[in-house]
Amino acid sequence: MNTSIDVTSPFSGNQQTSRSLSHLSAGALNRYELEAVVGSGKYSTVFRARRLDSGQTLAVKKVQVFDMDSSMRADCIVEVKLLQALDHPNIIRYMDSFIEDNELIIELELAEDGDLSQLIQSQSQIGELFEEGKVWDLFVQVCAACQHMHERRMMHRDIKPSNVFVVKSGALKLGDLGLSRFFSSKTMHACSAVGTPYYMSPEAIRGMPYDWSSDVWSLGCLLYELATLQSPFYQDGLNFYQLGKNITNCEYEPLPETRSTEMQELVASMIQADPQARPSVDSVHQIALESLRKYG
């Protein structure tokens, strides 16, 4: 998909940010009935909402763009443009956006059944691991979403269970693209230290340049958690320094032998220190599809 989007320049002031968002549709928040808060972050709140004109239930994300510094405002603009460019059954669907009362309003597909972290937690409370076929079924969907992004030269940069949402049909949808970045053909690495520590690659956690393989590392951590119901680097009482050391040294318990050879080998290939040695998301997706056919 070709695009002329330019998201590499910082935005130094409110007036420039307003111009940068001028492509967004005119709209009004009074078109929605905001029913309940379903999520929140430092600069944003997500509501379950209903469109008054159609009765459709959806999610409305309100982002305080003018309370942010220039870098954070640029990230917000990136999120909107990424959402506009993506169209995939395993990615939360973008519908509309506009500025009102110094807030960026984003209309999104609603994930009625929570997220993958809640699904994993529920399974853990049962006291049983997911069956092999179920693990592959869930993982294939996240891989497909990540592959779609990489094909469009986009990294997610914060793949983790709580950013994978569950819709009413049971399908998984990758969301929360606020940390994503569009890569031009001249830009192959990112240097900002973003993401969630348990899922951050060694190069990212050390503040070094990283590329597409950093998302593959995070996918490997997600596959491990689906297989064991626990992050590979989770330990009680672990501080950030020791966590970073464990990640950079790839110190984690291997998958149990009850898991298939395919799963053990795929996790080992993804969670390894050398970024160049990790498989591409295309290869990961293909292996996952073949394993799903075998074990599903």
C-alpha atoms as a PDB file:
ATOM      1  CA  MET A   1       0.000   0.000   0.000  1.00  0.00           C
ATOM      2  CA  ASN A   2       1.556   3.301  -1.073  1.00  0.00           C
ATOM      3  CA  THR A   3       1.048   6.383   1.057  1.00  0.00           C
ATOM      4  CA  SER A   4       2.421   9.882   1.233  1.00  0.00           C
ATOM      5  CA  ILE A   5       1.916  10.193   4.988  1.00  0.00           C
ATOM      6  CA  ASP A   6       4.753  12.065   6.682  1.00  0.00           C
ATOM      7  CA  VAL A   7       4.946  11.354  10.395  1.00  0.00           C
ATOM      8  CA  THR A   8       8.621  11.993  10.962  1.00  0.00           C
ATOM      9  CA  SER A   9       8.486  15.704  11.866  1.00  0.00           C
ATOM     10  CA  PRO A  10       7.930  16.878  15.472  1.00  0.00           C
ATOM     11  CA  PHE A  11       5.083  19.304  16.166  1.00  0.00           C
ATOM     12  CA  SER A  12       6.245  22.208  18.270  1.00  0.00           C
ATOM     13  CA  GLY A  13       3.027  24.031  19.039  1.00  0.00           C
ATOM     14  CA  ASN A  14      -0.766  23.867  19.263  1.00  0.00           C
ATOM     15  CA  GLN A  15      -1.320  25.803  16.044  1.00  0.00           C
ATOM     16  CA  GLN A  16       0.911  23.459  14.051  1.00  0.00           C
ATOM     17  CA  THR A  17      -0.779  20.434  15.619  1.00  0.00           C
ATOM     18  CA  SER A  18      -4.169  21.805  14.593  1.00  0.00           C
ATOM     19  CA  ARG A  19      -2.990  22.193  11.000  1.00  0.00           C
ATOM     20  CA  SER A  20      -1.604  18.658  11.047  1.00  0.00           C
ATOM     21  CA  LEU A  21      -4.989  17.346  12.128  1.00  0.00           C
ATOM     22  CA  SER A  22      -6.942  19.426   9.636  1.00  0.00           C
ATOM     23  CA  HIS A  23      -7.530  16.376   7.417  1.00  0.00           C
ATOM     24  CA  LEU A  24      -9.794  14.874  10.057  1.00  0.00           C
ATOM     25  CA  SER A  25     -13.521  14.980   9.422  1.00  0.00           C
ATOM     26  CA  ALA A  26     -15.700  17.658  10.954  1.00  0.00           C
ATOM     27  CA  GLY A  27     -17.746  16.142  13.726  1.00  0.00           C
ATOM     28  CA  ALA A  28     -19.285  16.673  17.101  1.00  0.00           C
ATOM     29  CA  LEU A  29     -19.099  14.659  20.277  1.00  0.00           C
ATOM     30  CA  ASN A  30     -22.829  15.126  20.750  1.00  0.00           C
ATOM     31  CA  ARG A  31     -23.407  12.529  18.023  1.00  0.00           C
ATOM     32  CA  TYR A  32     -22.605   9.904  20.706  1.00  0.00           C
ATOM     33  CA  GLU A  33     -24.083   8.775  23.987  1.00  0.00           C
ATOM     34  CA  LEU A  34     -21.088   7.871  26.166  1.00  0.00           C
ATOM     35  CA  GLU A  35     -22.192   4.929  28.314  1.00  0.00           C
ATOM     36  CA  ALA A  36     -19.219   3.720  30.371  1.00  0.00           C
ATOM     37  CA  VAL A  37     -15.446   3.990  30.657  1.00  0.00           C
ATOM     38  CA  VAL A  38     -13.821   0.792  29.352  1.00  0.00           C
ATOM     39  CA  GLY A  39     -10.172   1.841  29.470  1.00  0.00           C
ATOM     40  CA  SER A  40      -7.844   4.731  30.269  1.00  0.00           C
ATOM     41  CA  GLY A  41      -4.245   5.854  29.957  1.00  0.00           C
ATOM     42  CA  LYS A  42      -2.152   8.867  30.914  1.00  0.00           C
ATOM     43  CA  TYR A  43      -3.601  11.047  28.158  1.00  0.00           C
ATOM     44  CA  SER A  44      -6.668   9.144  27.006  1.00  0.00           C
ATOM     45  CA  THR A  45      -9.970   7.625  28.067  1.00  0.00           C
ATOM     46  CA  VAL A  46     -11.938   5.029  26.096  1.00  0.00           C
ATOM     47  CA  PHE A  47     -15.720   4.913  26.390  1.00  0.00           C
ATOM     48  CA  ARG A  48     -18.304   2.399  25.351  1.00  0.00           C
ATOM     49  CA  ALA A  49     -20.623   4.577  23.286  1.00  0.00           C
ATOM     50  CA  ARG A  50     -23.663   4.560  21.049  1.00  0.00           C
ATOM     51  CA  ARG A  51     -24.090   6.603  17.874  1.00  0.00           C
ATOM     52  CA  LEU A  52     -27.380   8.429  18.178  1.00  0.00           C
ATOM     53  CA  ASP A  53     -28.003   8.508  14.413  1.00  0.00           C
ATOM     54  CA  SER A  54     -27.588   4.759  13.839  1.00  0.00           C
ATOM     55  CA  GLY A  55     -27.823   3.175  17.269  1.00  0.00           C
ATOM     56  CA  GLN A  56     -24.483   1.446  16.623  1.00  0.00           C
ATOM     57  CA  THR A  57     -22.440   0.499  19.681  1.00  0.00           C
ATOM     58  CA  LEU A  58     -18.738   1.348  19.392  1.00  0.00           C
ATOM     59  CA  ALA A  59     -15.744   2.706  21.283  1.00  0.00           C
ATOM     60  CA  VAL A  60     -14.893   6.400  21.540  1.00  0.00           C
ATOM     61  CA  LYS A  61     -11.349   7.338  22.527  1.00  0.00           C
ATOM     62  CA  LYS A  62     -10.798  10.869  23.850  1.00  0.00           C
ATOM     63  CA  VAL A  63      -7.162  11.990  23.735  1.00  0.00           C
ATOM     64  CA  GLN A  64      -5.875  15.134  25.462  1.00  0.00           C
ATOM     65  CA  VAL A  65      -3.607  16.141  22.581  1.00  0.00           C
ATOM     66  CA  PHE A  66      -2.935  19.700  23.726  1.00  0.00           C
ATOM     67  CA  ASP A  67      -1.788  18.654  27.200  1.00  0.00           C
ATOM     68  CA  MET A  68       1.002  16.605  25.616  1.00  0.00           C
ATOM     69  CA  ASP A  69       4.508  17.618  24.672  1.00  0.00           C
ATOM     70  CA  SER A  70       5.331  17.874  20.968  1.00  0.00           C
ATOM     71  CA  SER A  71       6.576  14.288  20.736  1.00  0.00           C
ATOM     72  CA  MET A  72       3.443  12.835  22.306  1.00  0.00           C
ATOM     73  CA  ARG A  73       1.216  14.954  20.058  1.00  0.00           C
ATOM     74  CA  ALA A  74       3.089  13.611  17.051  1.00  0.00           C
ATOM     75  CA  ASP A  75       2.503  10.062  18.314  1.00  0.00           C
ATOM     76  CA  CYS A  76      -1.212  10.784  18.508  1.00  0.00           C
ATOM     77  CA  ILE A  77      -1.293  11.951  14.922  1.00  0.00           C
ATOM     78  CA  VAL A  78       0.611   8.812  13.938  1.00  0.00           C
ATOM     79  CA  GLU A  79      -2.036   6.665  15.610  1.00  0.00           C
ATOM     80  CA  VAL A  80      -4.857   8.303  13.668  1.00  0.00           C
ATOM     81  CA  LYS A  81      -3.068   7.957  10.339  1.00  0.00           C
ATOM     82  CA  LEU A  82      -2.119   4.350  11.033  1.00  0.00           C
ATOM     83  CA  LEU A  83      -5.683   3.495  11.863  1.00  0.00           C
ATOM     84  CA  GLN A  84      -6.855   5.082   8.628  1.00  0.00           C
ATOM     85  CA  ALA A  85      -4.382   3.001   6.627  1.00  0.00           C
ATOM     86  CA  LEU A  86      -5.135  -0.395   8.174  1.00  0.00           C
ATOM     87  CA  ASP A  87      -7.938  -2.710   7.113  1.00  0.00           C
ATOM     88  CA  HIS A  88      -7.670  -6.251   8.489  1.00  0.00           C
ATOM     89  CA  PRO A  89     -10.085  -8.608  10.295  1.00  0.00           C
ATOM     90  CA  ASN A  90      -7.610  -9.006  13.175  1.00  0.00           C
ATOM     91  CA  ILE A  91      -6.966  -5.295  13.749  1.00  0.00           C
ATOM     92  CA  ILE A  92      -9.347  -2.991  15.635  1.00  0.00           C
ATOM     93  CA  ARG A  93     -11.176  -1.030  12.962  1.00  0.00           C
ATOM     94  CA  TYR A  94     -10.895   2.760  12.691  1.00  0.00           C
ATOM     95  CA  MET A  95     -14.116   4.575  11.812  1.00  0.00           C
ATOM     96  CA  ASP A  96     -13.785   8.325  12.266  1.00  0.00           C
ATOM     97  CA  SER A  97     -11.892  11.083  14.080  1.00  0.00           C
ATOM     98  CA  PHE A  98     -12.139  14.791  14.753  1.00  0.00           C
ATOM     99  CA  ILE A  99     -10.962  17.546  17.105  1.00  0.00           C
ATOM    100  CA  GLU A 100     -13.351  19.040  19.639  1.00  0.00           C
ATOM    101  CA  ASP A 101     -12.667  21.112  22.785  1.00  0.00           C
ATOM    102  CA  ASN A 102      -8.905  20.538  22.567  1.00  0.00           C
ATOM    103  CA  GLU A 103      -9.421  16.773  22.399  1.00  0.00           C
ATOM    104  CA  LEU A 104      -8.801  14.308  19.605  1.00  0.00           C
ATOM    105  CA  ILE A 105     -11.876  12.076  19.340  1.00  0.00           C
ATOM    106  CA  ILE A 106     -11.362   8.677  17.693  1.00  0.00           C
ATOM    107  CA  GLU A 107     -14.263   6.371  16.854  1.00  0.00           C
ATOM    108  CA  LEU A 108     -13.261   2.705  16.971  1.00  0.00           C
ATOM    109  CA  GLU A 109     -14.656  -0.775  16.733  1.00  0.00           C
ATOM    110  CA  LEU A 110     -15.700  -1.976  20.201  1.00  0.00           C
ATOM    111  CA  ALA A 111     -14.143  -5.133  21.639  1.00  0.00           C
ATOM    112  CA  GLU A 112     -17.044  -6.370  23.750  1.00  0.00           C
ATOM    113  CA  ASP A 113     -15.286  -9.269  25.464  1.00  0.00           C
ATOM    114  CA  GLY A 114     -12.181  -7.653  26.925  1.00  0.00           C
ATOM    115  CA  ASP A 115      -8.643  -8.568  25.976  1.00  0.00           C
ATOM    116  CA  LEU A 116      -6.266 -11.506  25.717  1.00  0.00           C
ATOM    117  CA  SER A 117      -4.698 -10.865  29.115  1.00  0.00           C
ATOM    118  CA  GLN A 118      -8.108 -11.371  30.711  1.00  0.00           C
ATOM    119  CA  LEU A 119      -8.608 -14.541  28.689  1.00  0.00           C
ATOM    120  CA  ILE A 120      -5.237 -15.863  29.890  1.00  0.00           C
ATOM    121  CA  GLN A 121      -6.040 -14.916  33.476  1.00  0.00           C
ATOM    122  CA  SER A 122      -9.387 -16.728  33.303  1.00  0.00           C
ATOM    123  CA  GLN A 123      -7.669 -19.835  31.969  1.00  0.00           C
ATOM    124  CA  SER A 124      -5.088 -19.614  34.762  1.00  0.00           C
ATOM    125  CA  GLN A 125      -7.862 -19.495  37.360  1.00  0.00           C
ATOM    126  CA  ILE A 126      -9.244 -22.728  35.922  1.00  0.00           C
ATOM    127  CA  GLY A 127      -5.829 -24.264  36.548  1.00  0.00           C
ATOM    128  CA  GLU A 128      -5.426 -25.776  33.085  1.00  0.00           C
ATOM    129  CA  LEU A 129      -3.277 -24.788  30.131  1.00  0.00           C
ATOM    130  CA  PHE A 130      -4.857 -24.009  26.781  1.00  0.00           C
ATOM    131  CA  GLU A 131      -4.964 -27.017  24.483  1.00  0.00           C
ATOM    132  CA  GLU A 132      -2.281 -26.976  21.786  1.00  0.00           C
ATOM    133  CA  GLY A 133      -4.751 -26.258  19.009  1.00  0.00           C
ATOM    134  CA  LYS A 134      -6.261 -23.354  20.941  1.00  0.00           C
ATOM    135  CA  VAL A 135      -2.832 -21.768  21.429  1.00  0.00           C
ATOM    136  CA  TRP A 136      -2.130 -21.924  17.698  1.00  0.00           C
ATOM    137  CA  ASP A 137      -5.600 -20.589  16.849  1.00  0.00           C
ATOM    138  CA  LEU A 138      -5.125 -17.528  19.060  1.00  0.00           C
ATOM    139  CA  PHE A 139      -1.532 -16.955  17.983  1.00  0.00           C
ATOM    140  CA  VAL A 140      -2.273 -17.173  14.246  1.00  0.00           C
ATOM    141  CA  GLN A 141      -4.719 -14.271  14.568  1.00  0.00           C
ATOM    142  CA  VAL A 142      -2.179 -11.990  16.261  1.00  0.00           C
ATOM    143  CA  CYS A 143       0.480 -12.995  13.722  1.00  0.00           C
ATOM    144  CA  ALA A 144      -1.856 -12.134  10.856  1.00  0.00           C
ATOM    145  CA  ALA A 145      -2.417  -8.657  12.290  1.00  0.00           C
ATOM    146  CA  CYS A 146       1.296  -8.043  12.810  1.00  0.00           C
ATOM    147  CA  GLN A 147       2.086  -9.322   9.316  1.00  0.00           C
ATOM    148  CA  HIS A 148      -0.453  -6.878   7.857  1.00  0.00           C
ATOM    149  CA  MET A 149       1.256  -4.011   9.668  1.00  0.00           C
ATOM    150  CA  HIS A 150       4.765  -5.046   8.616  1.00  0.00           C
ATOM    151  CA  GLU A 151       3.659  -5.353   4.993  1.00  0.00           C
ATOM    152  CA  ARG A 152       2.674  -1.682   5.250  1.00  0.00           C
ATOM    153  CA  ARG A 153       6.005  -0.755   6.851  1.00  0.00           C
ATOM    154  CA  MET A 154       4.490  -0.251  10.280  1.00  0.00           C
ATOM    155  CA  MET A 155       5.763  -1.562  13.599  1.00  0.00           C
ATOM    156  CA  HIS A 156       3.408  -1.966  16.527  1.00  0.00           C
ATOM    157  CA  ARG A 157       6.164  -1.735  19.178  1.00  0.00           C
ATOM    158  CA  ASP A 158       3.948  -2.766  22.106  1.00  0.00           C
ATOM    159  CA  ILE A 159       2.563  -6.221  21.317  1.00  0.00           C
ATOM    160  CA  LYS A 160       1.310  -7.789  24.543  1.00  0.00           C
ATOM    161  CA  PRO A 161      -1.856  -9.645  25.644  1.00  0.00           C
ATOM    162  CA  SER A 162      -3.558  -6.511  27.011  1.00  0.00           C
ATOM    163  CA  ASN A 163      -3.264  -4.876  23.562  1.00  0.00           C
ATOM    164  CA  VAL A 164      -4.983  -7.819  21.846  1.00  0.00           C
ATOM    165  CA  PHE A 165      -8.745  -7.432  22.119  1.00  0.00           C
ATOM    166  CA  VAL A 166     -11.577  -9.957  21.985  1.00  0.00           C
ATOM    167  CA  VAL A 167     -14.771  -9.193  20.069  1.00  0.00           C
ATOM    168  CA  LYS A 168     -18.153 -10.812  20.587  1.00  0.00           C
ATOM    169  CA  SER A 169     -17.494 -13.501  17.959  1.00  0.00           C
ATOM    170  CA  GLY A 170     -14.399 -14.600  19.892  1.00  0.00           C
ATOM    171  CA  ALA A 171     -11.986 -13.280  17.260  1.00  0.00           C
ATOM    172  CA  LEU A 172      -8.834 -11.486  18.356  1.00  0.00           C
ATOM    173  CA  LYS A 173      -7.983  -7.977  17.172  1.00  0.00           C
ATOM    174  CA  LEU A 174      -4.689  -6.177  17.672  1.00  0.00           C
ATOM    175  CA  GLY A 175      -5.216  -2.652  18.917  1.00  0.00           C
ATOM    176  CA  ASP A 176      -3.739   0.275  20.844  1.00  0.00           C
ATOM    177  CA  LEU A 177      -1.544   1.513  18.027  1.00  0.00           C
ATOM    178  CA  GLY A 178      -0.434   4.599  19.918  1.00  0.00           C
ATOM    179  CA  LEU A 179       3.175   3.403  20.012  1.00  0.00           C
ATOM    180  CA  SER A 180       3.280   2.359  16.399  1.00  0.00           C
ATOM    181  CA  ARG A 181       5.350   4.161  13.819  1.00  0.00           C
ATOM    182  CA  PHE A 182       5.204   4.483  10.069  1.00  0.00           C
ATOM    183  CA  PHE A 183       8.511   3.611   8.415  1.00  0.00           C
ATOM    184  CA  SER A 184       9.449   5.285   5.195  1.00  0.00           C
ATOM    185  CA  SER A 185      11.610   3.390   2.731  1.00  0.00           C
ATOM    186  CA  LYS A 186      14.599   5.362   4.070  1.00  0.00           C
ATOM    187  CA  THR A 187      13.937   4.554   7.739  1.00  0.00           C
ATOM    188  CA  MET A 188      14.773   1.053   8.909  1.00  0.00           C
ATOM    189  CA  HIS A 189      15.332   1.490  12.638  1.00  0.00           C
ATOM    190  CA  ALA A 190      13.715   3.170  15.602  1.00  0.00           C
ATOM    191  CA  CYS A 191      15.544   4.291  18.723  1.00  0.00           C
ATOM    192  CA  SER A 192      12.876   5.340  21.223  1.00  0.00           C
ATOM    193  CA  ALA A 193      12.584   3.187  24.333  1.00  0.00           C
ATOM    194  CA  VAL A 194       8.874   2.409  24.314  1.00  0.00           C
ATOM    195  CA  GLY A 195       6.870  -0.667  25.084  1.00  0.00           C
ATOM    196  CA  THR A 196       6.102  -2.844  28.093  1.00  0.00           C
ATOM    197  CA  PRO A 197       9.219  -4.215  29.857  1.00  0.00           C
ATOM    198  CA  TYR A 198       8.123  -7.878  29.979  1.00  0.00           C
ATOM    199  CA  TYR A 199       7.739  -7.914  26.194  1.00  0.00           C
ATOM    200  CA  MET A 200      10.558  -5.568  25.171  1.00  0.00           C
ATOM    201  CA  SER A 201      13.376  -6.943  23.047  1.00  0.00           C
ATOM    202  CA  PRO A 202      16.970  -6.795  24.368  1.00  0.00           C
ATOM    203  CA  GLU A 203      17.910  -4.099  21.871  1.00  0.00           C
ATOM    204  CA  ALA A 204      14.899  -1.953  22.787  1.00  0.00           C
ATOM    205  CA  ILE A 205      15.378  -2.277  26.537  1.00  0.00           C
ATOM    206  CA  ARG A 206      19.048  -1.265  26.130  1.00  0.00           C
ATOM    207  CA  GLY A 207      18.073   1.837  24.151  1.00  0.00           C
ATOM    208  CA  MET A 208      19.710   0.572  20.965  1.00  0.00           C
ATOM    209  CA  PRO A 209      18.299   0.853  17.425  1.00  0.00           C
ATOM    210  CA  TYR A 210      15.745  -1.824  16.638  1.00  0.00           C
ATOM    211  CA  ASP A 211      13.740  -2.964  13.653  1.00  0.00           C
ATOM    212  CA  TRP A 212      10.902  -5.299  12.668  1.00  0.00           C
ATOM    213  CA  SER A 213      12.468  -8.200  14.574  1.00  0.00           C
ATOM    214  CA  SER A 214      11.654  -6.406  17.827  1.00  0.00           C
ATOM    215  CA  ASP A 215       7.944  -7.065  17.152  1.00  0.00           C
ATOM    216  CA  VAL A 216       8.865 -10.708  16.473  1.00  0.00           C
ATOM    217  CA  TRP A 217      10.503 -10.917  19.911  1.00  0.00           C
ATOM    218  CA  SER A 218       7.278  -9.604  21.479  1.00  0.00           C
ATOM    219  CA  LEU A 219       5.249 -12.134  19.494  1.00  0.00           C
ATOM    220  CA  GLY A 220       7.537 -14.853  20.861  1.00  0.00           C
ATOM    221  CA  CYS A 221       6.843 -13.678  24.402  1.00  0.00           C
ATOM    222  CA  LEU A 222       3.118 -13.689  23.653  1.00  0.00           C
ATOM    223  CA  LEU A 223       3.260 -17.236  22.248  1.00  0.00           C
ATOM    224  CA  TYR A 224       5.168 -18.359  25.355  1.00  0.00           C
ATOM    225  CA  GLU A 225       2.492 -16.818  27.582  1.00  0.00           C
ATOM    226  CA  LEU A 226      -0.299 -18.508  25.630  1.00  0.00           C
ATOM    227  CA  ALA A 227       1.525 -21.809  26.082  1.00  0.00           C
ATOM    228  CA  THR A 228       2.307 -21.440  29.802  1.00  0.00           C
ATOM    229  CA  LEU A 229      -0.119 -18.718  31.010  1.00  0.00           C
ATOM    230  CA  GLN A 230       2.872 -16.697  32.224  1.00  0.00           C
ATOM    231  CA  SER A 231       5.307 -14.250  30.675  1.00  0.00           C
ATOM    232  CA  PRO A 232       8.723 -15.868  30.017  1.00  0.00           C
ATOM    233  CA  PHE A 233      10.471 -13.199  32.099  1.00  0.00           C
ATOM    234  CA  TYR A 234       7.994 -12.873  34.956  1.00  0.00           C
ATOM    235  CA  GLN A 235       9.292 -13.541  38.474  1.00  0.00           C
ATOM    236  CA  ASP A 236       7.863 -12.470  41.835  1.00  0.00           C
ATOM    237  CA  GLY A 237       9.700  -9.476  43.280  1.00  0.00           C
ATOM    238  CA  LEU A 238      11.764  -8.886  40.161  1.00  0.00           C
ATOM    239  CA  ASN A 239      13.095  -5.333  39.832  1.00  0.00           C
ATOM    240  CA  PHE A 240      13.556  -3.513  36.536  1.00  0.00           C
ATOM    241  CA  TYR A 241      17.345  -3.952  36.547  1.00  0.00           C
ATOM    242  CA  GLN A 242      17.163  -7.720  36.980  1.00  0.00           C
ATOM    243  CA  LEU A 243      14.324  -7.956  34.449  1.00  0.00           C
ATOM    244  CA  GLY A 244      16.445  -6.094  31.917  1.00  0.00           C
ATOM    245  CA  LYS A 245      19.398  -8.361  32.642  1.00  0.00           C
ATOM    246  CA  ASN A 246      17.270 -11.496  32.204  1.00  0.00           C
ATOM    247  CA  ILE A 247      15.913 -10.177  28.917  1.00  0.00           C
ATOM    248  CA  THR A 248      19.298  -9.189  27.481  1.00  0.00           C
ATOM    249  CA  ASN A 249      20.706 -12.589  28.507  1.00  0.00           C
ATOM    250  CA  CYS A 250      17.582 -14.455  27.301  1.00  0.00           C
ATOM    251  CA  GLU A 251      17.269 -16.146  30.678  1.00  0.00           C
ATOM    252  CA  TYR A 252      13.895 -17.846  30.887  1.00  0.00           C
ATOM    253  CA  GLU A 253      12.524 -21.320  31.523  1.00  0.00           C
ATOM    254  CA  PRO A 254      12.036 -23.280  28.285  1.00  0.00           C
ATOM    255  CA  LEU A 255       8.562 -24.417  27.325  1.00  0.00           C
ATOM    256  CA  PRO A 256       7.432 -27.637  29.001  1.00  0.00           C
ATOM    257  CA  GLU A 257       8.044 -30.821  27.026  1.00  0.00           C
ATOM    258  CA  THR A 258       4.283 -31.342  26.878  1.00  0.00           C
ATOM    259  CA  ARG A 259       4.223 -28.635  24.214  1.00  0.00           C
ATOM    260  CA  SER A 260       4.869 -29.635  20.623  1.00  0.00           C
ATOM    261  CA  THR A 261       8.306 -29.554  19.057  1.00  0.00           C
ATOM    262  CA  GLU A 262       7.024 -26.942  16.615  1.00  0.00           C
ATOM    263  CA  MET A 263       6.005 -24.636  19.455  1.00  0.00           C
ATOM    264  CA  GLN A 264       9.221 -25.131  21.418  1.00  0.00           C
ATOM    265  CA  GLU A 265      11.379 -24.456  18.379  1.00  0.00           C
ATOM    266  CA  LEU A 266       9.375 -21.439  17.252  1.00  0.00           C
ATOM    267  CA  VAL A 267       9.531 -19.784  20.676  1.00  0.00           C
ATOM    268  CA  ALA A 268      13.283 -20.421  20.889  1.00  0.00           C
ATOM    269  CA  SER A 269      13.820 -18.896  17.442  1.00  0.00           C
ATOM    270  CA  MET A 270      11.843 -15.747  18.312  1.00  0.00           C
ATOM    271  CA  ILE A 271      13.107 -15.124  21.847  1.00  0.00           C
ATOM    272  CA  GLN A 272      16.807 -14.882  21.089  1.00  0.00           C
ATOM    273  CA  ALA A 273      19.235 -12.025  21.587  1.00  0.00           C
ATOM    274  CA  ASP A 274      20.439 -11.644  17.993  1.00  0.00           C
ATOM    275  CA  PRO A 275      17.758  -9.692  16.088  1.00  0.00           C
ATOM    276  CA  GLN A 276      19.110 -10.868  12.723  1.00  0.00           C
ATOM    277  CA  ALA A 277      18.659 -14.501  13.720  1.00  0.00           C
ATOM    278  CA  ARG A 278      14.959 -14.135  14.508  1.00  0.00           C
ATOM    279  CA  PRO A 279      12.538 -15.248  11.791  1.00  0.00           C
ATOM    280  CA  SER A 280      10.436 -12.733   9.896  1.00  0.00           C
ATOM    281  CA  VAL A 281       6.798 -12.346  10.852  1.00  0.00           C
ATOM    282  CA  ASP A 282       5.938 -13.960   7.486  1.00  0.00           C
ATOM    283  CA  SER A 283       7.853 -17.114   8.476  1.00  0.00           C
ATOM    284  CA  VAL A 284       6.324 -17.104  11.955  1.00  0.00           C
ATOM    285  CA  HIS A 285       2.829 -16.786  10.523  1.00  0.00           C
ATOM    286  CA  GLN A 286       3.428 -19.643   8.068  1.00  0.00           C
ATOM    287  CA  ILE A 287       4.739 -21.965  10.800  1.00  0.00           C
ATOM    288  CA  ALA A 288       1.786 -21.059  13.002  1.00  0.00           C
ATOM    289  CA  LEU A 289      -0.702 -21.787  10.209  1.00  0.00           C
ATOM    290  CA  GLU A 290       0.881 -25.181   9.485  1.00  0.00           C
ATOM    291  CA  SER A 291       0.860 -26.029  13.201  1.00  0.00           C
ATOM    292  CA  LEU A 292      -2.784 -24.986  13.498  1.00  0.00           C
ATOM    293  CA  ARG A 293      -3.676 -27.343  10.641  1.00  0.00           C
ATOM    294  CA  LYS A 294      -1.759 -30.115  12.384  1.00  0.00           C
ATOM    295  CA  TYR A 295      -2.983 -29.613  15.958  1.00  0.00           C
ATOM    296  CA  GLY A 296      -6.196 -27.644  15.607  1.00  0.00           C
END
